[in-house]
Amino acid sequence: MSNSQIQIDSRTMTANGVRLHYLIAGSGDPVFLLHGWPLSAEMWRPVIAALAQTRTVIAPDLRGAGYSDKPAAGYDKVTLSDDIHGLAEGLGFERYSVVGYDIGGMVAYPLAARHRDAVDRLAIIDVPLPGIAPWDAMQGAPALWHFGFHAQRDIAEALISGRERLYVESFIRARAFNPTAITDDEIQTYADMMAAPGCLRGGLEQYRTFAQDAEANKELAARKLDIPTLGIGGDRLGPVLQGIMAAIAENGSAVTIENCGHWVIAEQTDALIEKLTEFLS
C-alpha cells in the first residue's frame, strides 16, 4: 500500500481529565508522535502515512492545542506527559514508542522517564530540554527570544491576538533553512487554530512552566534511561543534541540532518522518515 492510500482517522478520547483529539493510522506496535508549537497533530501527516506501513501511529493534539481541550492549567511537561500516557492506556497500549518534536520533545522525555515500564524507545527532534545542559547557557540567545516573550502572561496574548497570521508566518519563516517548506495554506491553518478560543493562551502556557519543567527534569535525569534514545536535529541544534542524549540516557545518540532549520518535518521529510523508520525498526 502506498503512503497516499493510508487511512488516517480523527478521533477524541478523555485522558487525565482532558479531552484529547488525535490522529491514528496503521496497525502493529504503537508509536506516539508529539507535535511542537505553534503546530498541531496535522504537522505529522506525511510521517504518519509512512510509519503506519508497519506500526500503529497516534498523533495527539497536546492539551491546549489543536482540537484538544484548553483548560486554564496543567501545562507543565509532567502533566502533559501524563495526558499522553493516559491516552495510551485508554487505547489499550501497555508498551509504546514516543517521538517528540519541539515542545513535544519536552513532553516526550518525562513521559519516558516517568513511565519506564511503558515506553520502549524515545526520539527527540530539534529541541533542548529544560534543566539539561546546555539549557542554562542557551537562555538569552537571540534565536530563543520568544522564550522570554511568551512567558509574559497577558502581554504576549494582547500583542499576538488579531495578528496570528503575521506572528505565525514570521515565526516559522525565520527558523527555516528553506522558508517555503511550510506552505502558505499550512501557515494559515496554524494561524486559524491559534485564533480559536483558548488556543493562544494554552500554547503560551507551555512556555511559562519551563522553570518547573527544569526542576523536574533534573530529578529525572539522576536516573538515566536504559532504552534506545535518539536525538534528531537540524543544522543548528543537531550537534547540541549529542550531549543532551548522553545526559539523559545510557544508550543515547544523535544525528544532524543537513540543510535543515527547525522545521525538520516539513523541510526534510524524507530524511526524517528514513531516520525514524531505522530507529523504530
C-alpha atoms as a PDB file:
ATOM      1  CA  MET A   1       0.000   0.000   0.000  1.00  0.00           C
ATOM      2  CA  SER A   2       1.350   3.436  -0.892  1.00  0.00           C
ATOM      3  CA  ASN A   3       1.552   6.186   1.706  1.00  0.00           C
ATOM      4  CA  SER A   4      -1.227   8.078  -0.073  1.00  0.00           C
ATOM      5  CA  GLN A   5      -3.568   5.120   0.470  1.00  0.00           C
ATOM      6  CA  ILE A   6      -3.060   5.008   4.242  1.00  0.00           C
ATOM      7  CA  GLN A   7      -6.272   5.962   6.039  1.00  0.00           C
ATOM      8  CA  ILE A   8      -5.718   8.460   8.848  1.00  0.00           C
ATOM      9  CA  ASP A   9      -8.662   8.712  11.238  1.00  0.00           C
ATOM     10  CA  SER A  10      -9.501  11.624  13.535  1.00  0.00           C
ATOM     11  CA  ARG A  11     -10.791  10.708  16.997  1.00  0.00           C
ATOM     12  CA  THR A  12     -11.144  12.020  20.556  1.00  0.00           C
ATOM     13  CA  MET A  13     -10.754  10.448  23.979  1.00  0.00           C
ATOM     14  CA  THR A  14     -10.748  11.772  27.533  1.00  0.00           C
ATOM     15  CA  ALA A  15      -7.469  11.076  29.321  1.00  0.00           C
ATOM     16  CA  ASN A  16      -6.122  12.502  32.580  1.00  0.00           C
ATOM     17  CA  GLY A  17      -9.245  14.647  32.840  1.00  0.00           C
ATOM     18  CA  VAL A  18      -8.970  16.362  29.430  1.00  0.00           C
ATOM     19  CA  ARG A  19     -10.486  15.563  26.064  1.00  0.00           C
ATOM     20  CA  LEU A  20      -7.673  14.890  23.597  1.00  0.00           C
ATOM     21  CA  HIS A  21      -8.035  14.919  19.842  1.00  0.00           C
ATOM     22  CA  TYR A  22      -5.722  12.554  17.975  1.00  0.00           C
ATOM     23  CA  LEU A  23      -4.966  11.169  14.533  1.00  0.00           C
ATOM     24  CA  ILE A  24      -4.477   7.406  14.226  1.00  0.00           C
ATOM     25  CA  ALA A  25      -3.476   5.087  11.404  1.00  0.00           C
ATOM     26  CA  GLY A  26      -1.945   1.704  10.690  1.00  0.00           C
ATOM     27  CA  SER A  27      -1.524  -1.424  12.783  1.00  0.00           C
ATOM     28  CA  GLY A  28       1.258  -3.039  14.752  1.00  0.00           C
ATOM     29  CA  ASP A  29       3.425  -1.782  17.608  1.00  0.00           C
ATOM     30  CA  PRO A  30       2.273   1.708  18.645  1.00  0.00           C
ATOM     31  CA  VAL A  31       4.282   4.910  18.345  1.00  0.00           C
ATOM     32  CA  PHE A  32       3.113   8.306  19.583  1.00  0.00           C
ATOM     33  CA  LEU A  33       4.120  11.458  17.687  1.00  0.00           C
ATOM     34  CA  LEU A  34       4.019  14.653  19.775  1.00  0.00           C
ATOM     35  CA  HIS A  35       3.875  17.985  17.960  1.00  0.00           C
ATOM     36  CA  GLY A  36       5.525  21.328  18.648  1.00  0.00           C
ATOM     37  CA  TRP A  37       4.421  24.960  18.854  1.00  0.00           C
ATOM     38  CA  PRO A  38       2.649  26.672  17.109  1.00  0.00           C
ATOM     39  CA  LEU A  39       1.638  23.495  15.328  1.00  0.00           C
ATOM     40  CA  SER A  40      -0.705  20.563  15.929  1.00  0.00           C
ATOM     41  CA  ALA A  41      -1.027  16.888  15.103  1.00  0.00           C
ATOM     42  CA  GLU A  42      -1.637  17.938  11.485  1.00  0.00           C
ATOM     43  CA  MET A  43       2.101  18.570  11.047  1.00  0.00           C
ATOM     44  CA  TRP A  44       2.747  14.829  11.294  1.00  0.00           C
ATOM     45  CA  ARG A  45       0.537  13.652   8.411  1.00  0.00           C
ATOM     46  CA  PRO A  46       3.327  12.687   5.965  1.00  0.00           C
ATOM     47  CA  VAL A  47       5.222  10.917   8.762  1.00  0.00           C
ATOM     48  CA  ILE A  48       2.072   9.146   9.966  1.00  0.00           C
ATOM     49  CA  ALA A  49       1.428   7.783   6.487  1.00  0.00           C
ATOM     50  CA  ALA A  50       4.981   6.433   6.182  1.00  0.00           C
ATOM     51  CA  LEU A  51       5.295   4.898   9.659  1.00  0.00           C
ATOM     52  CA  ALA A  52       1.786   3.429   9.510  1.00  0.00           C
ATOM     53  CA  GLN A  53       3.037   0.950   6.919  1.00  0.00           C
ATOM     54  CA  THR A  54       4.368  -1.135   9.817  1.00  0.00           C
ATOM     55  CA  ARG A  55       3.059   0.445  13.032  1.00  0.00           C
ATOM     56  CA  THR A  56       0.023   1.891  14.747  1.00  0.00           C
ATOM     57  CA  VAL A  57       0.743   5.630  14.719  1.00  0.00           C
ATOM     58  CA  ILE A  58      -1.005   8.032  17.086  1.00  0.00           C
ATOM     59  CA  ALA A  59      -0.524  11.798  16.831  1.00  0.00           C
ATOM     60  CA  PRO A  60      -2.446  13.699  19.530  1.00  0.00           C
ATOM     61  CA  ASP A  61      -3.078  17.397  19.838  1.00  0.00           C
ATOM     62  CA  LEU A  62      -1.490  18.301  23.167  1.00  0.00           C
ATOM     63  CA  ARG A  63      -3.600  19.853  25.889  1.00  0.00           C
ATOM     64  CA  GLY A  64      -4.141  23.486  24.845  1.00  0.00           C
ATOM     65  CA  ALA A  65      -3.518  22.888  21.138  1.00  0.00           C
ATOM     66  CA  GLY A  66      -5.442  21.986  18.002  1.00  0.00           C
ATOM     67  CA  TYR A  67      -8.793  20.370  18.736  1.00  0.00           C
ATOM     68  CA  SER A  68      -7.969  19.180  22.260  1.00  0.00           C
ATOM     69  CA  ASP A  69      -9.317  20.798  25.425  1.00  0.00           C
ATOM     70  CA  LYS A  70      -7.725  24.044  26.547  1.00  0.00           C
ATOM     71  CA  PRO A  71      -8.028  24.235  30.332  1.00  0.00           C
ATOM     72  CA  ALA A  72      -6.576  27.056  32.392  1.00  0.00           C
ATOM     73  CA  ALA A  73      -3.842  24.927  33.974  1.00  0.00           C
ATOM     74  CA  GLY A  74      -1.789  21.773  33.573  1.00  0.00           C
ATOM     75  CA  TYR A  75       0.844  22.847  31.037  1.00  0.00           C
ATOM     76  CA  ASP A  76       3.929  21.646  32.864  1.00  0.00           C
ATOM     77  CA  LYS A  77       5.511  18.831  30.901  1.00  0.00           C
ATOM     78  CA  VAL A  78       4.927  16.192  33.589  1.00  0.00           C
ATOM     79  CA  THR A  79       1.184  16.809  33.404  1.00  0.00           C
ATOM     80  CA  LEU A  80       1.239  16.898  29.614  1.00  0.00           C
ATOM     81  CA  SER A  81       3.146  13.606  29.602  1.00  0.00           C
ATOM     82  CA  ASP A  82       0.555  12.068  31.907  1.00  0.00           C
ATOM     83  CA  ASP A  83      -2.106  13.129  29.389  1.00  0.00           C
ATOM     84  CA  ILE A  84      -0.343  11.079  26.717  1.00  0.00           C
ATOM     85  CA  HIS A  85       0.205   8.076  28.977  1.00  0.00           C
ATOM     86  CA  GLY A  86      -3.478   8.196  29.887  1.00  0.00           C
ATOM     87  CA  LEU A  87      -4.349   8.222  26.191  1.00  0.00           C
ATOM     88  CA  ALA A  88      -2.092   5.204  25.624  1.00  0.00           C
ATOM     89  CA  GLU A  89      -3.786   3.346  28.469  1.00  0.00           C
ATOM     90  CA  GLY A  90      -7.210   4.273  27.131  1.00  0.00           C
ATOM     91  CA  LEU A  91      -6.250   2.850  23.754  1.00  0.00           C
ATOM     92  CA  GLY A  92      -5.094  -0.360  25.423  1.00  0.00           C
ATOM     93  CA  PHE A  93      -1.355   0.033  24.792  1.00  0.00           C
ATOM     94  CA  GLU A  94       0.903  -1.306  27.543  1.00  0.00           C
ATOM     95  CA  ARG A  95       4.153  -0.635  25.621  1.00  0.00           C
ATOM     96  CA  TYR A  96       4.783   2.084  23.061  1.00  0.00           C
ATOM     97  CA  SER A  97       7.446   4.272  21.475  1.00  0.00           C
ATOM     98  CA  VAL A  98       7.458   8.071  21.608  1.00  0.00           C
ATOM     99  CA  VAL A  99       8.717  10.693  19.171  1.00  0.00           C
ATOM    100  CA  GLY A 100       8.558  14.319  20.298  1.00  0.00           C
ATOM    101  CA  TYR A 101       9.294  17.420  18.260  1.00  0.00           C
ATOM    102  CA  ASP A 102       9.939  20.881  19.765  1.00  0.00           C
ATOM    103  CA  ILE A 103       7.629  21.264  22.806  1.00  0.00           C
ATOM    104  CA  GLY A 104       6.537  17.703  22.103  1.00  0.00           C
ATOM    105  CA  GLY A 105      10.117  16.611  22.785  1.00  0.00           C
ATOM    106  CA  MET A 106       9.949  18.328  26.160  1.00  0.00           C
ATOM    107  CA  VAL A 107       6.841  16.244  26.863  1.00  0.00           C
ATOM    108  CA  ALA A 108       8.308  13.023  25.490  1.00  0.00           C
ATOM    109  CA  TYR A 109      11.280  12.989  27.875  1.00  0.00           C
ATOM    110  CA  PRO A 110       9.337  12.966  31.191  1.00  0.00           C
ATOM    111  CA  LEU A 111       6.882  10.550  29.582  1.00  0.00           C
ATOM    112  CA  ALA A 112       9.729   8.081  29.011  1.00  0.00           C
ATOM    113  CA  ALA A 113      11.463   8.828  32.314  1.00  0.00           C
ATOM    114  CA  ARG A 114       8.343   8.502  34.482  1.00  0.00           C
ATOM    115  CA  HIS A 115       6.709   5.580  32.684  1.00  0.00           C
ATOM    116  CA  ARG A 116       9.713   3.331  32.143  1.00  0.00           C
ATOM    117  CA  ASP A 117       7.668   0.149  32.023  1.00  0.00           C
ATOM    118  CA  ALA A 118       5.622   1.562  29.137  1.00  0.00           C
ATOM    119  CA  VAL A 119       7.970   3.498  26.841  1.00  0.00           C
ATOM    120  CA  ASP A 120      10.375   1.307  24.861  1.00  0.00           C
ATOM    121  CA  ARG A 121      12.006   3.907  22.564  1.00  0.00           C
ATOM    122  CA  LEU A 122      12.367   7.690  22.665  1.00  0.00           C
ATOM    123  CA  ALA A 123      13.237  10.125  19.874  1.00  0.00           C
ATOM    124  CA  ILE A 124      13.523  13.861  20.459  1.00  0.00           C
ATOM    125  CA  ILE A 125      13.575  16.215  17.476  1.00  0.00           C
ATOM    126  CA  ASP A 126      15.252  19.640  17.431  1.00  0.00           C
ATOM    127  CA  VAL A 127      14.670  20.884  20.957  1.00  0.00           C
ATOM    128  CA  PRO A 128      16.720  21.397  24.130  1.00  0.00           C
ATOM    129  CA  LEU A 129      15.380  20.077  27.414  1.00  0.00           C
ATOM    130  CA  PRO A 130      14.718  22.405  30.372  1.00  0.00           C
ATOM    131  CA  GLY A 131      17.239  21.816  33.131  1.00  0.00           C
ATOM    132  CA  ILE A 132      19.545  19.639  30.993  1.00  0.00           C
ATOM    133  CA  ALA A 133      22.821  21.209  29.812  1.00  0.00           C
ATOM    134  CA  PRO A 134      23.265  23.335  27.798  1.00  0.00           C
ATOM    135  CA  TRP A 135      19.805  24.685  28.725  1.00  0.00           C
ATOM    136  CA  ASP A 136      21.066  27.402  31.094  1.00  0.00           C
ATOM    137  CA  ALA A 137      23.778  28.526  28.673  1.00  0.00           C
ATOM    138  CA  MET A 138      21.245  28.840  25.850  1.00  0.00           C
ATOM    139  CA  GLN A 139      18.965  31.227  27.713  1.00  0.00           C
ATOM    140  CA  GLY A 140      19.215  34.714  26.280  1.00  0.00           C
ATOM    141  CA  ALA A 141      20.394  33.505  22.877  1.00  0.00           C
ATOM    142  CA  PRO A 142      18.907  35.731  20.140  1.00  0.00           C
ATOM    143  CA  ALA A 143      17.240  32.759  18.435  1.00  0.00           C
ATOM    144  CA  LEU A 144      15.352  31.981  21.662  1.00  0.00           C
ATOM    145  CA  TRP A 145      13.954  35.488  22.257  1.00  0.00           C
ATOM    146  CA  HIS A 146      10.447  34.040  22.206  1.00  0.00           C
ATOM    147  CA  PHE A 147      11.072  32.084  25.425  1.00  0.00           C
ATOM    148  CA  GLY A 148      11.034  35.335  27.382  1.00  0.00           C
ATOM    149  CA  PHE A 149       8.282  36.954  25.330  1.00  0.00           C
ATOM    150  CA  HIS A 150       5.907  34.008  25.631  1.00  0.00           C
ATOM    151  CA  ALA A 151       6.480  33.958  29.388  1.00  0.00           C
ATOM    152  CA  GLN A 152       4.840  37.378  29.755  1.00  0.00           C
ATOM    153  CA  ARG A 153       1.276  36.378  30.583  1.00  0.00           C
ATOM    154  CA  ASP A 154      -1.452  38.642  29.146  1.00  0.00           C
ATOM    155  CA  ILE A 155       1.050  40.972  27.413  1.00  0.00           C
ATOM    156  CA  ALA A 156       2.069  38.316  24.885  1.00  0.00           C
ATOM    157  CA  GLU A 157      -1.564  37.402  24.253  1.00  0.00           C
ATOM    158  CA  ALA A 158      -2.515  41.055  23.769  1.00  0.00           C
ATOM    159  CA  LEU A 159       0.252  41.655  21.240  1.00  0.00           C
ATOM    160  CA  ILE A 160      -0.378  38.491  19.205  1.00  0.00           C
ATOM    161  CA  SER A 161      -4.187  38.407  19.288  1.00  0.00           C
ATOM    162  CA  GLY A 162      -5.633  39.579  15.991  1.00  0.00           C
ATOM    163  CA  ARG A 163      -2.210  39.233  14.364  1.00  0.00           C
ATOM    164  CA  GLU A 164      -1.960  35.440  14.457  1.00  0.00           C
ATOM    165  CA  ARG A 165      -1.179  35.045  10.751  1.00  0.00           C
ATOM    166  CA  LEU A 166       1.576  37.667  10.894  1.00  0.00           C
ATOM    167  CA  TYR A 167       3.106  36.131  14.002  1.00  0.00           C
ATOM    168  CA  VAL A 168       2.946  32.506  12.856  1.00  0.00           C
ATOM    169  CA  GLU A 169       4.377  33.300   9.426  1.00  0.00           C
ATOM    170  CA  SER A 170       7.220  35.401  10.840  1.00  0.00           C
ATOM    171  CA  PHE A 171       7.981  32.788  13.494  1.00  0.00           C
ATOM    172  CA  ILE A 172       8.110  29.928  11.003  1.00  0.00           C
ATOM    173  CA  ARG A 173       9.983  31.660   8.178  1.00  0.00           C
ATOM    174  CA  ALA A 174      12.718  32.974  10.496  1.00  0.00           C
ATOM    175  CA  ARG A 175      13.552  29.478  11.789  1.00  0.00           C
ATOM    176  CA  ALA A 176      13.673  27.688   8.467  1.00  0.00           C
ATOM    177  CA  PHE A 177      16.610  26.770   6.243  1.00  0.00           C
ATOM    178  CA  ASN A 178      14.024  26.557   3.457  1.00  0.00           C
ATOM    179  CA  PRO A 179      11.392  29.212   4.275  1.00  0.00           C
ATOM    180  CA  THR A 180       8.959  27.865   1.656  1.00  0.00           C
ATOM    181  CA  ALA A 181       8.915  24.303   3.044  1.00  0.00           C
ATOM    182  CA  ILE A 182       5.777  25.144   5.008  1.00  0.00           C
ATOM    183  CA  THR A 183       3.166  26.404   2.577  1.00  0.00           C
ATOM    184  CA  ASP A 184       1.009  29.496   2.889  1.00  0.00           C
ATOM    185  CA  ASP A 185      -2.046  27.274   3.332  1.00  0.00           C
ATOM    186  CA  GLU A 186      -0.364  25.395   6.190  1.00  0.00           C
ATOM    187  CA  ILE A 187       0.604  28.655   7.869  1.00  0.00           C
ATOM    188  CA  GLN A 188      -2.988  29.849   7.574  1.00  0.00           C
ATOM    189  CA  THR A 189      -4.214  26.599   9.139  1.00  0.00           C
ATOM    190  CA  TYR A 190      -1.953  27.069  12.162  1.00  0.00           C
ATOM    191  CA  ALA A 191      -2.863  30.751  12.420  1.00  0.00           C
ATOM    192  CA  ASP A 192      -6.569  29.881  12.393  1.00  0.00           C
ATOM    193  CA  MET A 193      -6.002  27.284  15.117  1.00  0.00           C
ATOM    194  CA  MET A 194      -4.101  29.827  17.213  1.00  0.00           C
ATOM    195  CA  ALA A 195      -7.008  32.248  16.873  1.00  0.00           C
ATOM    196  CA  ALA A 196      -9.502  29.678  18.190  1.00  0.00           C
ATOM    197  CA  PRO A 197     -10.762  30.297  21.753  1.00  0.00           C
ATOM    198  CA  GLY A 198      -8.196  29.296  24.359  1.00  0.00           C
ATOM    199  CA  CYS A 199      -5.546  28.110  21.896  1.00  0.00           C
ATOM    200  CA  LEU A 200      -3.187  31.082  22.082  1.00  0.00           C
ATOM    201  CA  ARG A 201      -3.243  31.053  25.883  1.00  0.00           C
ATOM    202  CA  GLY A 202      -2.817  27.285  26.021  1.00  0.00           C
ATOM    203  CA  GLY A 203       0.173  27.326  23.712  1.00  0.00           C
ATOM    204  CA  LEU A 204       1.932  30.130  25.543  1.00  0.00           C
ATOM    205  CA  GLU A 205       1.337  28.492  28.910  1.00  0.00           C
ATOM    206  CA  GLN A 206       3.606  25.657  27.730  1.00  0.00           C
ATOM    207  CA  TYR A 207       6.497  28.152  27.882  1.00  0.00           C
ATOM    208  CA  ARG A 208       5.526  29.528  31.282  1.00  0.00           C
ATOM    209  CA  THR A 209       6.282  26.276  33.073  1.00  0.00           C
ATOM    210  CA  PHE A 210       9.917  25.981  31.928  1.00  0.00           C
ATOM    211  CA  ALA A 211      11.323  26.641  35.419  1.00  0.00           C
ATOM    212  CA  GLN A 212       9.072  23.922  36.850  1.00  0.00           C
ATOM    213  CA  ASP A 213       9.988  21.622  33.968  1.00  0.00           C
ATOM    214  CA  ALA A 214      13.695  22.199  34.586  1.00  0.00           C
ATOM    215  CA  GLU A 215      13.463  21.135  38.216  1.00  0.00           C
ATOM    216  CA  ALA A 216      11.511  18.028  37.287  1.00  0.00           C
ATOM    217  CA  ASN A 217      13.992  17.088  34.545  1.00  0.00           C
ATOM    218  CA  LYS A 218      16.998  17.473  36.834  1.00  0.00           C
ATOM    219  CA  GLU A 219      15.464  14.932  39.197  1.00  0.00           C
ATOM    220  CA  LEU A 220      14.531  12.575  36.372  1.00  0.00           C
ATOM    221  CA  ALA A 221      18.000  12.744  34.795  1.00  0.00           C
ATOM    222  CA  ALA A 222      19.570  11.414  38.004  1.00  0.00           C
ATOM    223  CA  ARG A 223      18.483   8.014  36.719  1.00  0.00           C
ATOM    224  CA  LYS A 224      19.356   7.655  33.056  1.00  0.00           C
ATOM    225  CA  LEU A 225      17.025   5.982  30.593  1.00  0.00           C
ATOM    226  CA  ASP A 226      18.020   2.459  29.597  1.00  0.00           C
ATOM    227  CA  ILE A 227      16.045   2.355  26.336  1.00  0.00           C
ATOM    228  CA  PRO A 228      17.213   3.312  22.831  1.00  0.00           C
ATOM    229  CA  THR A 229      17.162   7.104  22.713  1.00  0.00           C
ATOM    230  CA  LEU A 230      17.777   9.258  19.637  1.00  0.00           C
ATOM    231  CA  GLY A 231      18.127  12.982  19.095  1.00  0.00           C
ATOM    232  CA  ILE A 232      17.485  14.362  15.605  1.00  0.00           C
ATOM    233  CA  GLY A 233      18.252  17.966  14.785  1.00  0.00           C
ATOM    234  CA  GLY A 234      18.734  20.434  12.008  1.00  0.00           C
ATOM    235  CA  ASP A 235      21.987  22.254  11.310  1.00  0.00           C
ATOM    236  CA  ARG A 236      21.839  24.461  14.406  1.00  0.00           C
ATOM    237  CA  LEU A 237      20.653  22.132  17.141  1.00  0.00           C
ATOM    238  CA  GLY A 238      21.699  18.737  15.816  1.00  0.00           C
ATOM    239  CA  PRO A 239      25.277  18.963  17.154  1.00  0.00           C
ATOM    240  CA  VAL A 240      23.971  20.015  20.587  1.00  0.00           C
ATOM    241  CA  LEU A 241      21.675  17.020  20.929  1.00  0.00           C
ATOM    242  CA  GLN A 242      24.530  14.523  21.352  1.00  0.00           C
ATOM    243  CA  GLY A 243      25.357  15.949  24.774  1.00  0.00           C
ATOM    244  CA  ILE A 244      21.691  16.116  25.763  1.00  0.00           C
ATOM    245  CA  MET A 245      21.130  12.481  24.821  1.00  0.00           C
ATOM    246  CA  ALA A 246      24.218  11.430  26.760  1.00  0.00           C
ATOM    247  CA  ALA A 247      22.902  13.267  29.820  1.00  0.00           C
ATOM    248  CA  ILE A 248      19.528  11.534  29.869  1.00  0.00           C
ATOM    249  CA  ALA A 249      20.211   8.041  28.502  1.00  0.00           C
ATOM    250  CA  GLU A 250      22.697   5.207  28.778  1.00  0.00           C
ATOM    251  CA  ASN A 251      22.091   4.335  25.141  1.00  0.00           C
ATOM    252  CA  GLY A 252      21.663   7.787  23.640  1.00  0.00           C
ATOM    253  CA  SER A 253      22.805   9.019  20.235  1.00  0.00           C
ATOM    254  CA  ALA A 254      22.122  11.950  17.955  1.00  0.00           C
ATOM    255  CA  VAL A 255      22.155  12.760  14.260  1.00  0.00           C
ATOM    256  CA  THR A 256      22.127  16.000  12.295  1.00  0.00           C
ATOM    257  CA  ILE A 257      20.018  16.405   9.164  1.00  0.00           C
ATOM    258  CA  GLU A 258      21.903  18.865   6.987  1.00  0.00           C
ATOM    259  CA  ASN A 259      20.429  21.794   5.086  1.00  0.00           C
ATOM    260  CA  CYS A 260      17.639  21.927   7.624  1.00  0.00           C
ATOM    261  CA  GLY A 261      16.328  24.540  10.008  1.00  0.00           C
ATOM    262  CA  HIS A 262      13.977  23.992  12.925  1.00  0.00           C
ATOM    263  CA  TRP A 263      11.028  22.657  10.918  1.00  0.00           C
ATOM    264  CA  VAL A 264      12.575  19.239  10.308  1.00  0.00           C
ATOM    265  CA  ILE A 265       9.294  17.510   9.493  1.00  0.00           C
ATOM    266  CA  ALA A 266       8.485  19.908   6.658  1.00  0.00           C
ATOM    267  CA  GLU A 267      11.982  20.813   5.468  1.00  0.00           C
ATOM    268  CA  GLN A 268      13.499  17.323   5.267  1.00  0.00           C
ATOM    269  CA  THR A 269      10.502  14.997   5.349  1.00  0.00           C
ATOM    270  CA  ASP A 270      12.105  12.044   3.574  1.00  0.00           C
ATOM    271  CA  ALA A 271      15.326  12.222   5.584  1.00  0.00           C
ATOM    272  CA  LEU A 272      13.396  12.348   8.848  1.00  0.00           C
ATOM    273  CA  ILE A 273      11.196   9.405   7.868  1.00  0.00           C
ATOM    274  CA  GLU A 274      14.307   7.419   6.992  1.00  0.00           C
ATOM    275  CA  LYS A 275      15.897   8.144  10.394  1.00  0.00           C
ATOM    276  CA  LEU A 276      12.717   7.331  12.310  1.00  0.00           C
ATOM    277  CA  THR A 277      11.999   4.162  10.345  1.00  0.00           C
ATOM    278  CA  GLU A 278      15.504   2.887  11.054  1.00  0.00           C
ATOM    279  CA  PHE A 279      15.304   3.830  14.733  1.00  0.00           C
ATOM    280  CA  LEU A 280      11.897   2.260  15.281  1.00  0.00           C
ATOM    281  CA  SER A 281      12.629  -0.981  13.443  1.00  0.00           C
END
